[in-house]
């Protein structure tokens, strides 16, 4: 079990009602981040080139990355912010705790945060 995923956090994660009350997911594929409890859209309609462009924008201007996502996807400010916050800053490390992660992994083994590997 990851160090930061205590039994209390596991119990809290089981109740995801907050995520579904506060976000308009409209049946789109998503995952609820165990670390922060926010749903992160998986953005299947985006091509690999668009995903790389969003990742590059996130490094230089996160607000521009959010605006790009709002134009490319049917999503609002909250959904776009959740996606941008969960993008990896470094290709081999977790965006939240910096723990080394293999490419393509969705959850960090150390802190259980969702990491979108688009870079």
PDB file of N, CA and C in Angstrom:
ATOM      1  N   UNK A   1       0.850  -1.181   0.000  1.00  0.00           N
ATOM      2  CA  UNK A   1       0.000   0.000   0.000  1.00  0.00           C
ATOM      3  C   UNK A   1       0.893   1.240   0.000  1.00  0.00           C
ATOM      4  N   UNK A   2       0.594   2.224  -0.824  1.00  0.00           N
ATOM      5  CA  UNK A   2       1.391   3.454  -0.831  1.00  0.00           C
ATOM      6  C   UNK A   2       1.409   4.111   0.537  1.00  0.00           C
ATOM      7  N   UNK A   3       2.503   4.784   0.820  1.00  0.00           N
ATOM      8  CA  UNK A   3       2.691   5.394   2.136  1.00  0.00           C
ATOM      9  C   UNK A   3       1.573   6.372   2.511  1.00  0.00           C
ATOM     10  N   UNK A   4       1.142   7.170   1.574  1.00  0.00           N
ATOM     11  CA  UNK A   4       0.186   8.227   1.894  1.00  0.00           C
ATOM     12  C   UNK A   4      -1.271   7.792   1.790  1.00  0.00           C
ATOM     13  N   UNK A   5      -1.526   6.568   1.342  1.00  0.00           N
ATOM     14  CA  UNK A   5      -2.903   6.085   1.213  1.00  0.00           C
ATOM     15  C   UNK A   5      -3.277   5.338   2.486  1.00  0.00           C
ATOM     16  N   UNK A   6      -3.633   6.082   3.516  1.00  0.00           N
ATOM     17  CA  UNK A   6      -3.975   5.510   4.812  1.00  0.00           C
ATOM     18  C   UNK A   6      -5.372   4.897   4.760  1.00  0.00           C
ATOM     19  N   UNK A   7      -5.699   4.057   5.724  1.00  0.00           N
ATOM     20  CA  UNK A   7      -7.059   3.483   5.736  1.00  0.00           C
ATOM     21  C   UNK A   7      -8.158   4.542   5.741  1.00  0.00           C
ATOM     22  N   UNK A   8      -7.932   5.669   6.424  1.00  0.00           N
ATOM     23  CA  UNK A   8      -8.937   6.735   6.434  1.00  0.00           C
ATOM     24  C   UNK A   8      -9.107   7.319   5.033  1.00  0.00           C
ATOM     25  N   UNK A   9      -8.004   7.525   4.304  1.00  0.00           N
ATOM     26  CA  UNK A   9      -8.105   8.052   2.946  1.00  0.00           C
ATOM     27  C   UNK A   9      -8.798   7.051   2.024  1.00  0.00           C
ATOM     28  N   UNK A  10      -8.550   5.772   2.225  1.00  0.00           N
ATOM     29  CA  UNK A  10      -9.236   4.758   1.428  1.00  0.00           C
ATOM     30  C   UNK A  10     -10.739   4.819   1.665  1.00  0.00           C
ATOM     31  N   UNK A  11     -11.135   4.981   2.914  1.00  0.00           N
ATOM     32  CA  UNK A  11     -12.562   5.074   3.246  1.00  0.00           C
ATOM     33  C   UNK A  11     -13.174   6.335   2.632  1.00  0.00           C
ATOM     34  N   UNK A  12     -12.448   7.454   2.704  1.00  0.00           N
ATOM     35  CA  UNK A  12     -12.938   8.694   2.097  1.00  0.00           C
ATOM     36  C   UNK A  12     -13.083   8.550   0.583  1.00  0.00           C
ATOM     37  N   UNK A  13     -12.165   7.814  -0.047  1.00  0.00           N
ATOM     38  CA  UNK A  13     -12.190   7.657  -1.499  1.00  0.00           C
ATOM     39  C   UNK A  13     -13.401   6.847  -1.956  1.00  0.00           C
ATOM     40  N   UNK A  14     -13.863   5.966  -1.122  1.00  0.00           N
ATOM     41  CA  UNK A  14     -15.028   5.155  -1.493  1.00  0.00           C
ATOM     42  C   UNK A  14     -16.270   6.010  -1.742  1.00  0.00           C
ATOM     43  N   UNK A  15     -16.390   7.121  -1.009  1.00  0.00           N
ATOM     44  CA  UNK A  15     -17.528   8.026  -1.191  1.00  0.00           C
ATOM     45  C   UNK A  15     -17.126   9.109  -2.194  1.00  0.00           C
ATOM     46  N   UNK A  16     -17.537   8.960  -3.444  1.00  0.00           N
ATOM     47  CA  UNK A  16     -17.179   9.917  -4.487  1.00  0.00           C
ATOM     48  C   UNK A  16     -18.348  10.836  -4.846  1.00  0.00           C
ATOM     49  N   UNK A  17     -19.301  10.969  -3.930  1.00  0.00           N
ATOM     50  CA  UNK A  17     -20.484  11.775  -4.222  1.00  0.00           C
ATOM     51  C   UNK A  17     -20.125  13.233  -4.489  1.00  0.00           C
ATOM     52  N   UNK A  18     -19.122  13.773  -3.796  1.00  0.00           N
ATOM     53  CA  UNK A  18     -18.718  15.160  -4.019  1.00  0.00           C
ATOM     54  C   UNK A  18     -18.334  15.375  -5.484  1.00  0.00           C
ATOM     55  N   UNK A  19     -17.544  14.465  -6.014  1.00  0.00           N
ATOM     56  CA  UNK A  19     -17.057  14.613  -7.379  1.00  0.00           C
ATOM     57  C   UNK A  19     -18.204  14.660  -8.371  1.00  0.00           C
ATOM     58  N   UNK A  20     -19.204  13.837  -8.147  1.00  0.00           N
ATOM     59  CA  UNK A  20     -20.302  13.768  -9.100  1.00  0.00           C
ATOM     60  C   UNK A  20     -21.335  14.859  -8.886  1.00  0.00           C
ATOM     61  N   UNK A  21     -21.363  15.480  -7.726  1.00  0.00           N
ATOM     62  CA  UNK A  21     -22.271  16.599  -7.483  1.00  0.00           C
ATOM     63  C   UNK A  21     -21.701  17.899  -8.035  1.00  0.00           C
ATOM     64  N   UNK A  22     -20.395  18.075  -7.948  1.00  0.00           N
ATOM     65  CA  UNK A  22     -19.759  19.341  -8.296  1.00  0.00           C
ATOM     66  C   UNK A  22     -19.321  19.451  -9.762  1.00  0.00           C
ATOM     67  N   UNK A  23     -19.170  18.335 -10.455  1.00  0.00           N
ATOM     68  CA  UNK A  23     -18.672  18.352 -11.822  1.00  0.00           C
ATOM     69  C   UNK A  23     -19.724  17.788 -12.764  1.00  0.00           C
ATOM     70  N   UNK A  24     -19.795  18.357 -13.964  1.00  0.00           N
ATOM     71  CA  UNK A  24     -20.713  17.881 -14.991  1.00  0.00           C
ATOM     72  C   UNK A  24     -19.940  16.951 -15.917  1.00  0.00           C
ATOM     73  N   UNK A  25     -19.983  15.646 -15.640  1.00  0.00           N
ATOM     74  CA  UNK A  25     -19.200  14.686 -16.402  1.00  0.00           C
ATOM     75  C   UNK A  25     -19.947  14.152 -17.616  1.00  0.00           C
ATOM     76  N   UNK A  26     -21.246  14.193 -17.595  1.00  0.00           N
ATOM     77  CA  UNK A  26     -22.101  13.833 -18.734  1.00  0.00           C
ATOM     78  C   UNK A  26     -21.704  12.513 -19.382  1.00  0.00           C
ATOM     79  N   UNK A  27     -21.353  11.512 -18.584  1.00  0.00           N
ATOM     80  CA  UNK A  27     -21.036  10.193 -19.116  1.00  0.00           C
ATOM     81  C   UNK A  27     -19.701  10.079 -19.820  1.00  0.00           C
ATOM     82  N   UNK A  28     -18.853  11.100 -19.743  1.00  0.00           N
ATOM     83  CA  UNK A  28     -17.547  11.044 -20.405  1.00  0.00           C
ATOM     84  C   UNK A  28     -16.571  10.206 -19.590  1.00  0.00           C
ATOM     85  N   UNK A  29     -15.641   9.498 -20.245  1.00  0.00           N
ATOM     86  CA  UNK A  29     -14.660   8.688 -19.509  1.00  0.00           C
ATOM     87  C   UNK A  29     -13.794   9.561 -18.603  1.00  0.00           C
ATOM     88  N   UNK A  30     -13.660   9.131 -17.362  1.00  0.00           N
ATOM     89  CA  UNK A  30     -12.904   9.904 -16.389  1.00  0.00           C
ATOM     90  C   UNK A  30     -12.404   8.975 -15.290  1.00  0.00           C
ATOM     91  N   UNK A  31     -11.533   9.500 -14.449  1.00  0.00           N
ATOM     92  CA  UNK A  31     -11.078   8.799 -13.260  1.00  0.00           C
ATOM     93  C   UNK A  31     -11.070   9.821 -12.126  1.00  0.00           C
ATOM     94  N   UNK A  32     -11.493   9.399 -10.940  1.00  0.00           N
ATOM     95  CA  UNK A  32     -11.473  10.282  -9.784  1.00  0.00           C
ATOM     96  C   UNK A  32     -10.118  10.112  -9.101  1.00  0.00           C
ATOM     97  N   UNK A  33      -9.409  11.202  -8.928  1.00  0.00           N
ATOM     98  CA  UNK A  33      -8.071  11.163  -8.334  1.00  0.00           C
ATOM     99  C   UNK A  33      -8.171  10.818  -6.847  1.00  0.00           C
ATOM    100  N   UNK A  34      -7.535   9.732  -6.410  1.00  0.00           N
ATOM    101  CA  UNK A  34      -7.576   9.379  -4.983  1.00  0.00           C
ATOM    102  C   UNK A  34      -6.903  10.419  -4.086  1.00  0.00           C
ATOM    103  N   UNK A  35      -5.958  11.172  -4.618  1.00  0.00           N
ATOM    104  CA  UNK A  35      -5.227  12.154  -3.818  1.00  0.00           C
ATOM    105  C   UNK A  35      -6.086  13.380  -3.507  1.00  0.00           C
ATOM    106  N   UNK A  36      -6.734  13.944  -4.520  1.00  0.00           N
ATOM    107  CA  UNK A  36      -7.485  15.186  -4.313  1.00  0.00           C
ATOM    108  C   UNK A  36      -8.996  15.018  -4.416  1.00  0.00           C
ATOM    109  N   UNK A  37      -9.479  13.884  -4.922  1.00  0.00           N
ATOM    110  CA  UNK A  37     -10.911  13.638  -5.004  1.00  0.00           C
ATOM    111  C   UNK A  37     -11.608  14.319  -6.162  1.00  0.00           C
ATOM    112  N   UNK A  38     -10.862  14.826  -7.127  1.00  0.00           N
ATOM    113  CA  UNK A  38     -11.437  15.537  -8.267  1.00  0.00           C
ATOM    114  C   UNK A  38     -11.475  14.607  -9.480  1.00  0.00           C
ATOM    115  N   UNK A  39     -12.573  14.595 -10.228  1.00  0.00           N
ATOM    116  CA  UNK A  39     -12.608  13.773 -11.444  1.00  0.00           C
ATOM    117  C   UNK A  39     -11.764  14.397 -12.548  1.00  0.00           C
ATOM    118  N   UNK A  40     -11.004  13.566 -13.233  1.00  0.00           N
ATOM    119  CA  UNK A  40     -10.137  14.012 -14.322  1.00  0.00           C
ATOM    120  C   UNK A  40     -10.621  13.336 -15.604  1.00  0.00           C
ATOM    121  N   UNK A  41     -11.018  14.146 -16.574  1.00  0.00           N
ATOM    122  CA  UNK A  41     -11.461  13.598 -17.854  1.00  0.00           C
ATOM    123  C   UNK A  41     -10.279  12.956 -18.568  1.00  0.00           C
ATOM    124  N   UNK A  42     -10.518  11.830 -19.245  1.00  0.00           N
ATOM    125  CA  UNK A  42      -9.439  11.135 -19.941  1.00  0.00           C
ATOM    126  C   UNK A  42      -9.244  11.630 -21.368  1.00  0.00           C
ATOM    127  N   UNK A  43     -10.112  12.471 -21.864  1.00  0.00           N
ATOM    128  CA  UNK A  43      -9.949  13.200 -23.129  1.00  0.00           C
ATOM    129  C   UNK A  43      -9.695  12.291 -24.317  1.00  0.00           C
ATOM    130  N   UNK A  44     -10.501  11.291 -24.492  1.00  0.00           N
ATOM    131  CA  UNK A  44     -10.332  10.381 -25.617  1.00  0.00           C
ATOM    132  C   UNK A  44     -10.478  11.050 -26.987  1.00  0.00           C
ATOM    133  N   UNK A  45     -11.283  12.112 -27.148  1.00  0.00           N
ATOM    134  CA  UNK A  45     -11.388  12.716 -28.476  1.00  0.00           C
ATOM    135  C   UNK A  45     -10.115  13.416 -28.954  1.00  0.00           C
ATOM    136  N   UNK A  46      -9.190  13.718 -28.050  1.00  0.00           N
ATOM    137  CA  UNK A  46      -7.972  14.432 -28.448  1.00  0.00           C
ATOM    138  C   UNK A  46      -6.980  13.484 -29.112  1.00  0.00           C
ATOM    139  N   UNK A  47      -6.342  13.968 -30.176  1.00  0.00           N
ATOM    140  CA  UNK A  47      -5.295  13.189 -30.834  1.00  0.00           C
ATOM    141  C   UNK A  47      -4.002  13.289 -30.017  1.00  0.00           C
ATOM    142  N   UNK A  48      -3.035  12.451 -30.348  1.00  0.00           N
ATOM    143  CA  UNK A  48      -1.746  12.501 -29.648  1.00  0.00           C
ATOM    144  C   UNK A  48      -1.057  13.848 -29.849  1.00  0.00           C
ATOM    145  N   UNK A  49      -1.173  14.419 -31.041  1.00  0.00           N
ATOM    146  CA  UNK A  49      -0.563  15.720 -31.314  1.00  0.00           C
ATOM    147  C   UNK A  49      -1.211  16.805 -30.451  1.00  0.00           C
ATOM    148  N   UNK A  50      -2.527  16.756 -30.304  1.00  0.00           N
ATOM    149  CA  UNK A  50      -3.215  17.744 -29.468  1.00  0.00           C
ATOM    150  C   UNK A  50      -2.811  17.585 -28.007  1.00  0.00           C
ATOM    151  N   UNK A  51      -2.666  16.349 -27.546  1.00  0.00           N
ATOM    152  CA  UNK A  51      -2.249  16.106 -26.165  1.00  0.00           C
ATOM    153  C   UNK A  51      -0.849  16.655 -25.909  1.00  0.00           C
ATOM    154  N   UNK A  52       0.064  16.440 -26.865  1.00  0.00           N
ATOM    155  CA  UNK A  52       1.419  16.982 -26.711  1.00  0.00           C
ATOM    156  C   UNK A  52       1.396  18.505 -26.689  1.00  0.00           C
ATOM    157  N   UNK A  53       0.550  19.098 -27.522  1.00  0.00           N
ATOM    158  CA  UNK A  53       0.446  20.556 -27.552  1.00  0.00           C
ATOM    159  C   UNK A  53      -0.060  21.098 -26.214  1.00  0.00           C
ATOM    160  N   UNK A  54      -1.057  20.438 -25.627  1.00  0.00           N
ATOM    161  CA  UNK A  54      -1.563  20.855 -24.320  1.00  0.00           C
ATOM    162  C   UNK A  54      -0.472  20.717 -23.264  1.00  0.00           C
ATOM    163  N   UNK A  55       0.300  19.629 -23.309  1.00  0.00           N
ATOM    164  CA  UNK A  55       1.384  19.429 -22.337  1.00  0.00           C
ATOM    165  C   UNK A  55       2.441  20.522 -22.469  1.00  0.00           C
ATOM    166  N   UNK A  56       2.780  20.904 -23.691  1.00  0.00           N
ATOM    167  CA  UNK A  56       3.752  21.980 -23.897  1.00  0.00           C
ATOM    168  C   UNK A  56       3.201  23.312 -23.396  1.00  0.00           C
ATOM    169  N   UNK A  57       1.930  23.582 -23.685  1.00  0.00           N
ATOM    170  CA  UNK A  57       1.304  24.810 -23.206  1.00  0.00           C
ATOM    171  C   UNK A  57       1.280  24.859 -21.681  1.00  0.00           C
ATOM    172  N   UNK A  58       1.034  23.722 -21.053  1.00  0.00           N
ATOM    173  CA  UNK A  58       0.973  23.673 -19.594  1.00  0.00           C
ATOM    174  C   UNK A  58       2.287  24.102 -18.967  1.00  0.00           C
ATOM    175  N   UNK A  59       3.407  23.719 -19.599  1.00  0.00           N
ATOM    176  CA  UNK A  59       4.722  24.078 -19.046  1.00  0.00           C
ATOM    177  C   UNK A  59       4.977  25.581 -19.121  1.00  0.00           C
ATOM    178  N   UNK A  60       4.498  26.228 -20.187  1.00  0.00           N
ATOM    179  CA  UNK A  60       4.771  27.652 -20.352  1.00  0.00           C
ATOM    180  C   UNK A  60       3.630  28.544 -19.869  1.00  0.00           C
ATOM    181  N   UNK A  61       2.382  28.123 -20.095  1.00  0.00           N
ATOM    182  CA  UNK A  61       1.236  28.968 -19.754  1.00  0.00           C
ATOM    183  C   UNK A  61       0.023  28.085 -19.454  1.00  0.00           C
ATOM    184  N   UNK A  62      -0.177  27.698 -18.188  1.00  0.00           N
ATOM    185  CA  UNK A  62      -1.294  26.810 -17.844  1.00  0.00           C
ATOM    186  C   UNK A  62      -2.668  27.352 -18.227  1.00  0.00           C
ATOM    187  N   UNK A  63      -2.849  28.650 -18.176  1.00  0.00           N
ATOM    188  CA  UNK A  63      -4.151  29.233 -18.531  1.00  0.00           C
ATOM    189  C   UNK A  63      -4.421  29.029 -20.021  1.00  0.00           C
ATOM    190  N   UNK A  64      -3.398  29.165 -20.851  1.00  0.00           N
ATOM    191  CA  UNK A  64      -3.562  28.925 -22.279  1.00  0.00           C
ATOM    192  C   UNK A  64      -3.894  27.452 -22.536  1.00  0.00           C
ATOM    193  N   UNK A  65      -3.308  26.562 -21.765  1.00  0.00           N
ATOM    194  CA  UNK A  65      -3.619  25.130 -21.900  1.00  0.00           C
ATOM    195  C   UNK A  65      -5.080  24.875 -21.546  1.00  0.00           C
ATOM    196  N   UNK A  66      -5.575  25.536 -20.489  1.00  0.00           N
ATOM    197  CA  UNK A  66      -6.980  25.388 -20.113  1.00  0.00           C
ATOM    198  C   UNK A  66      -7.894  25.918 -21.221  1.00  0.00           C
ATOM    199  N   UNK A  67      -7.554  27.068 -21.787  1.00  0.00           N
ATOM    200  CA  UNK A  67      -8.358  27.639 -22.869  1.00  0.00           C
ATOM    201  C   UNK A  67      -8.380  26.716 -24.089  1.00  0.00           C
ATOM    202  N   UNK A  68      -7.236  26.120 -24.405  1.00  0.00           N
ATOM    203  CA  UNK A  68      -7.152  25.184 -25.523  1.00  0.00           C
ATOM    204  C   UNK A  68      -8.085  23.995 -25.287  1.00  0.00           C
ATOM    205  N   UNK A  69      -8.063  23.455 -24.071  1.00  0.00           N
ATOM    206  CA  UNK A  69      -8.924  22.316 -23.746  1.00  0.00           C
ATOM    207  C   UNK A  69     -10.394  22.682 -23.828  1.00  0.00           C
ATOM    208  N   UNK A  70     -10.750  23.869 -23.363  1.00  0.00           N
ATOM    209  CA  UNK A  70     -12.154  24.290 -23.419  1.00  0.00           C
ATOM    210  C   UNK A  70     -12.639  24.430 -24.854  1.00  0.00           C
ATOM    211  N   UNK A  71     -11.732  24.814 -25.766  1.00  0.00           N
ATOM    212  CA  UNK A  71     -12.106  24.914 -27.180  1.00  0.00           C
ATOM    213  C   UNK A  71     -12.144  23.549 -27.853  1.00  0.00           C
ATOM    214  N   UNK A  72     -11.216  22.656 -27.485  1.00  0.00           N
ATOM    215  CA  UNK A  72     -11.101  21.356 -28.153  1.00  0.00           C
ATOM    216  C   UNK A  72     -12.108  20.330 -27.632  1.00  0.00           C
ATOM    217  N   UNK A  73     -12.511  20.470 -26.393  1.00  0.00           N
ATOM    218  CA  UNK A  73     -13.424  19.509 -25.764  1.00  0.00           C
ATOM    219  C   UNK A  73     -14.693  20.215 -25.314  1.00  0.00           C
ATOM    220  N   UNK A  74     -15.741  19.472 -25.117  1.00  0.00           N
ATOM    221  CA  UNK A  74     -16.889  20.082 -24.441  1.00  0.00           C
ATOM    222  C   UNK A  74     -16.674  20.011 -22.930  1.00  0.00           C
ATOM    223  N   UNK A  75     -15.920  20.956 -22.400  1.00  0.00           N
ATOM    224  CA  UNK A  75     -15.705  20.984 -20.951  1.00  0.00           C
ATOM    225  C   UNK A  75     -15.667  22.428 -20.468  1.00  0.00           C
ATOM    226  N   UNK A  76     -15.878  22.589 -19.175  1.00  0.00           N
ATOM    227  CA  UNK A  76     -15.869  23.910 -18.572  1.00  0.00           C
ATOM    228  C   UNK A  76     -14.544  24.211 -17.894  1.00  0.00           C
ATOM    229  N   UNK A  77     -14.535  25.312 -17.159  1.00  0.00           N
ATOM    230  CA  UNK A  77     -13.311  25.747 -16.474  1.00  0.00           C
ATOM    231  C   UNK A  77     -12.808  24.704 -15.483  1.00  0.00           C
ATOM    232  N   UNK A  78     -13.708  24.154 -14.681  1.00  0.00           N
ATOM    233  CA  UNK A  78     -13.296  23.216 -13.634  1.00  0.00           C
ATOM    234  C   UNK A  78     -12.704  21.942 -14.208  1.00  0.00           C
ATOM    235  N   UNK A  79     -13.325  21.423 -15.249  1.00  0.00           N
ATOM    236  CA  UNK A  79     -12.826  20.200 -15.858  1.00  0.00           C
ATOM    237  C   UNK A  79     -11.463  20.433 -16.518  1.00  0.00           C
ATOM    238  N   UNK A  80     -11.331  21.575 -17.216  1.00  0.00           N
ATOM    239  CA  UNK A  80     -10.062  21.900 -17.871  1.00  0.00           C
ATOM    240  C   UNK A  80      -8.947  22.094 -16.836  1.00  0.00           C
ATOM    241  N   UNK A  81      -9.262  22.756 -15.733  1.00  0.00           N
ATOM    242  CA  UNK A  81      -8.259  22.962 -14.687  1.00  0.00           C
ATOM    243  C   UNK A  81      -7.821  21.630 -14.081  1.00  0.00           C
ATOM    244  N   UNK A  82      -8.767  20.717 -13.866  1.00  0.00           N
ATOM    245  CA  UNK A  82      -8.422  19.411 -13.308  1.00  0.00           C
ATOM    246  C   UNK A  82      -7.489  18.652 -14.245  1.00  0.00           C
ATOM    247  N   UNK A  83      -7.728  18.736 -15.539  1.00  0.00           N
ATOM    248  CA  UNK A  83      -6.858  18.061 -16.505  1.00  0.00           C
ATOM    249  C   UNK A  83      -5.463  18.664 -16.469  1.00  0.00           C
ATOM    250  N   UNK A  84      -5.373  19.986 -16.529  1.00  0.00           N
ATOM    251  CA  UNK A  84      -4.072  20.661 -16.566  1.00  0.00           C
ATOM    252  C   UNK A  84      -3.281  20.405 -15.282  1.00  0.00           C
ATOM    253  N   UNK A  85      -3.954  20.405 -14.140  1.00  0.00           N
ATOM    254  CA  UNK A  85      -3.254  20.161 -12.879  1.00  0.00           C
ATOM    255  C   UNK A  85      -2.716  18.744 -12.762  1.00  0.00           C
ATOM    256  N   UNK A  86      -3.310  17.793 -13.470  1.00  0.00           N
ATOM    257  CA  UNK A  86      -2.881  16.401 -13.373  1.00  0.00           C
ATOM    258  C   UNK A  86      -1.947  15.977 -14.496  1.00  0.00           C
ATOM    259  N   UNK A  87      -1.517  16.926 -15.332  1.00  0.00           N
ATOM    260  CA  UNK A  87      -0.516  16.617 -16.356  1.00  0.00           C
ATOM    261  C   UNK A  87       0.865  16.589 -15.711  1.00  0.00           C
ATOM    262  N   UNK A  88       1.675  15.634 -16.113  1.00  0.00           N
ATOM    263  CA  UNK A  88       3.038  15.554 -15.578  1.00  0.00           C
ATOM    264  C   UNK A  88       3.864  16.741 -16.045  1.00  0.00           C
ATOM    265  N   UNK A  89       4.604  17.333 -15.137  1.00  0.00           N
ATOM    266  CA  UNK A  89       5.527  18.401 -15.504  1.00  0.00           C
ATOM    267  C   UNK A  89       6.813  17.827 -16.066  1.00  0.00           C
ATOM    268  N   UNK A  90       7.334  16.806 -15.406  1.00  0.00           N
ATOM    269  CA  UNK A  90       8.516  16.087 -15.874  1.00  0.00           C
ATOM    270  C   UNK A  90       8.044  14.728 -16.381  1.00  0.00           C
ATOM    271  N   UNK A  91       8.618  14.239 -17.470  1.00  0.00           N
ATOM    272  CA  UNK A  91       8.091  13.004 -18.056  1.00  0.00           C
ATOM    273  C   UNK A  91       8.247  11.753 -17.184  1.00  0.00           C
ATOM    274  N   UNK A  92       9.193  11.738 -16.260  1.00  0.00           N
ATOM    275  CA  UNK A  92       9.440  10.529 -15.470  1.00  0.00           C
ATOM    276  C   UNK A  92       9.131  10.708 -13.987  1.00  0.00           C
ATOM    277  N   UNK A  93       8.325  11.712 -13.632  1.00  0.00           N
ATOM    278  CA  UNK A  93       8.045  11.970 -12.222  1.00  0.00           C
ATOM    279  C   UNK A  93       6.584  12.362 -12.019  1.00  0.00           C
ATOM    280  N   UNK A  94       6.084  12.080 -10.828  1.00  0.00           N
ATOM    281  CA  UNK A  94       4.714  12.440 -10.456  1.00  0.00           C
ATOM    282  C   UNK A  94       4.580  13.961 -10.379  1.00  0.00           C
ATOM    283  N   UNK A  95       3.465  14.484 -10.851  1.00  0.00           N
ATOM    284  CA  UNK A  95       3.241  15.933 -10.804  1.00  0.00           C
ATOM    285  C   UNK A  95       3.024  16.410  -9.367  1.00  0.00           C
ATOM    286  N   UNK A  96       2.599  15.530  -8.484  1.00  0.00           N
ATOM    287  CA  UNK A  96       2.240  15.931  -7.115  1.00  0.00           C
ATOM    288  C   UNK A  96       3.413  15.790  -6.142  1.00  0.00           C
ATOM    289  N   UNK A  97       4.026  14.602  -6.118  1.00  0.00           N
ATOM    290  CA  UNK A  97       5.074  14.359  -5.117  1.00  0.00           C
ATOM    291  C   UNK A  97       6.474  14.263  -5.710  1.00  0.00           C
ATOM    292  N   UNK A  98       6.582  14.190  -7.033  1.00  0.00           N
ATOM    293  CA  UNK A  98       7.889  14.106  -7.671  1.00  0.00           C
ATOM    294  C   UNK A  98       8.517  12.728  -7.663  1.00  0.00           C
ATOM    295  N   UNK A  99       7.803  11.731  -7.167  1.00  0.00           N
ATOM    296  CA  UNK A  99       8.316  10.368  -7.113  1.00  0.00           C
ATOM    297  C   UNK A  99       8.502   9.835  -8.538  1.00  0.00           C
ATOM    298  N   UNK A 100       9.592   9.106  -8.812  1.00  0.00           N
ATOM    299  CA  UNK A 100       9.789   8.554 -10.161  1.00  0.00           C
ATOM    300  C   UNK A 100       8.651   7.612 -10.553  1.00  0.00           C
ATOM    301  N   UNK A 101       8.212   7.733 -11.808  1.00  0.00           N
ATOM    302  CA  UNK A 101       7.119   6.906 -12.337  1.00  0.00           C
ATOM    303  C   UNK A 101       7.489   6.410 -13.716  1.00  0.00           C
ATOM    304  N   UNK A 102       7.072   5.198 -14.075  1.00  0.00           N
ATOM    305  CA  UNK A 102       7.301   4.737 -15.444  1.00  0.00           C
ATOM    306  C   UNK A 102       6.378   5.469 -16.415  1.00  0.00           C
ATOM    307  N   UNK A 103       6.802   5.562 -17.658  1.00  0.00           N
ATOM    308  CA  UNK A 103       5.983   6.196 -18.684  1.00  0.00           C
ATOM    309  C   UNK A 103       4.689   5.413 -18.857  1.00  0.00           C
ATOM    310  N   UNK A 104       3.589   6.120 -19.004  1.00  0.00           N
ATOM    311  CA  UNK A 104       2.296   5.491 -19.245  1.00  0.00           C
ATOM    312  C   UNK A 104       1.519   5.136 -17.988  1.00  0.00           C
ATOM    313  N   UNK A 105       2.128   5.231 -16.818  1.00  0.00           N
ATOM    314  CA  UNK A 105       1.419   4.904 -15.579  1.00  0.00           C
ATOM    315  C   UNK A 105       0.402   5.995 -15.279  1.00  0.00           C
ATOM    316  N   UNK A 106      -0.768   5.613 -14.817  1.00  0.00           N
ATOM    317  CA  UNK A 106      -1.833   6.576 -14.527  1.00  0.00           C
ATOM    318  C   UNK A 106      -1.801   7.039 -13.076  1.00  0.00           C
ATOM    319  N   UNK A 107      -1.520   6.132 -12.137  1.00  0.00           N
ATOM    320  CA  UNK A 107      -1.492   6.476 -10.720  1.00  0.00           C
ATOM    321  C   UNK A 107      -0.073   6.378 -10.177  1.00  0.00           C
ATOM    322  N   UNK A 108       0.298   7.339  -9.351  1.00  0.00           N
ATOM    323  CA  UNK A 108       1.596   7.315  -8.688  1.00  0.00           C
ATOM    324  C   UNK A 108       1.556   6.267  -7.578  1.00  0.00           C
ATOM    325  N   UNK A 109       2.572   5.421  -7.505  1.00  0.00           N
ATOM    326  CA  UNK A 109       2.621   4.377  -6.485  1.00  0.00           C
ATOM    327  C   UNK A 109       2.915   4.954  -5.104  1.00  0.00           C
ATOM    328  N   UNK A 110       3.443   6.166  -5.054  1.00  0.00           N
ATOM    329  CA  UNK A 110       3.792   6.779  -3.778  1.00  0.00           C
ATOM    330  C   UNK A 110       2.610   7.511  -3.147  1.00  0.00           C
ATOM    331  N   UNK A 111       1.934   8.362  -3.920  1.00  0.00           N
ATOM    332  CA  UNK A 111       0.884   9.219  -3.344  1.00  0.00           C
ATOM    333  C   UNK A 111      -0.507   8.951  -3.913  1.00  0.00           C
ATOM    334  N   UNK A 112      -0.618   8.071  -4.896  1.00  0.00           N
ATOM    335  CA  UNK A 112      -1.894   7.707  -5.524  1.00  0.00           C
ATOM    336  C   UNK A 112      -2.543   8.874  -6.278  1.00  0.00           C
ATOM    337  N   UNK A 113      -1.755   9.804  -6.753  1.00  0.00           N
ATOM    338  CA  UNK A 113      -2.280  10.899  -7.549  1.00  0.00           C
ATOM    339  C   UNK A 113      -2.380  10.480  -9.016  1.00  0.00           C
ATOM    340  N   UNK A 114      -3.414  10.946  -9.698  1.00  0.00           N
ATOM    341  CA  UNK A 114      -3.559  10.696 -11.130  1.00  0.00           C
ATOM    342  C   UNK A 114      -2.527  11.530 -11.869  1.00  0.00           C
ATOM    343  N   UNK A 115      -1.837  10.905 -12.822  1.00  0.00           N
ATOM    344  CA  UNK A 115      -0.846  11.588 -13.649  1.00  0.00           C
ATOM    345  C   UNK A 115      -1.150  11.300 -15.112  1.00  0.00           C
ATOM    346  N   UNK A 116      -1.454  12.342 -15.879  1.00  0.00           N
ATOM    347  CA  UNK A 116      -1.677  12.190 -17.308  1.00  0.00           C
ATOM    348  C   UNK A 116      -0.343  12.365 -18.012  1.00  0.00           C
ATOM    349  N   UNK A 117       0.080  11.346 -18.731  1.00  0.00           N
ATOM    350  CA  UNK A 117       1.375  11.334 -19.395  1.00  0.00           C
ATOM    351  C   UNK A 117       1.196  11.727 -20.850  1.00  0.00           C
ATOM    352  N   UNK A 118       1.137  13.018 -21.112  1.00  0.00           N
ATOM    353  CA  UNK A 118       0.899  13.514 -22.465  1.00  0.00           C
ATOM    354  C   UNK A 118       2.149  14.082 -23.106  1.00  0.00           C
ATOM    355  N   UNK A 119       3.226  14.226 -22.344  1.00  0.00           N
ATOM    356  CA  UNK A 119       4.445  14.860 -22.860  1.00  0.00           C
ATOM    357  C   UNK A 119       5.248  13.936 -23.632  1.00  0.00           C
TER     358      UNK A 119
END
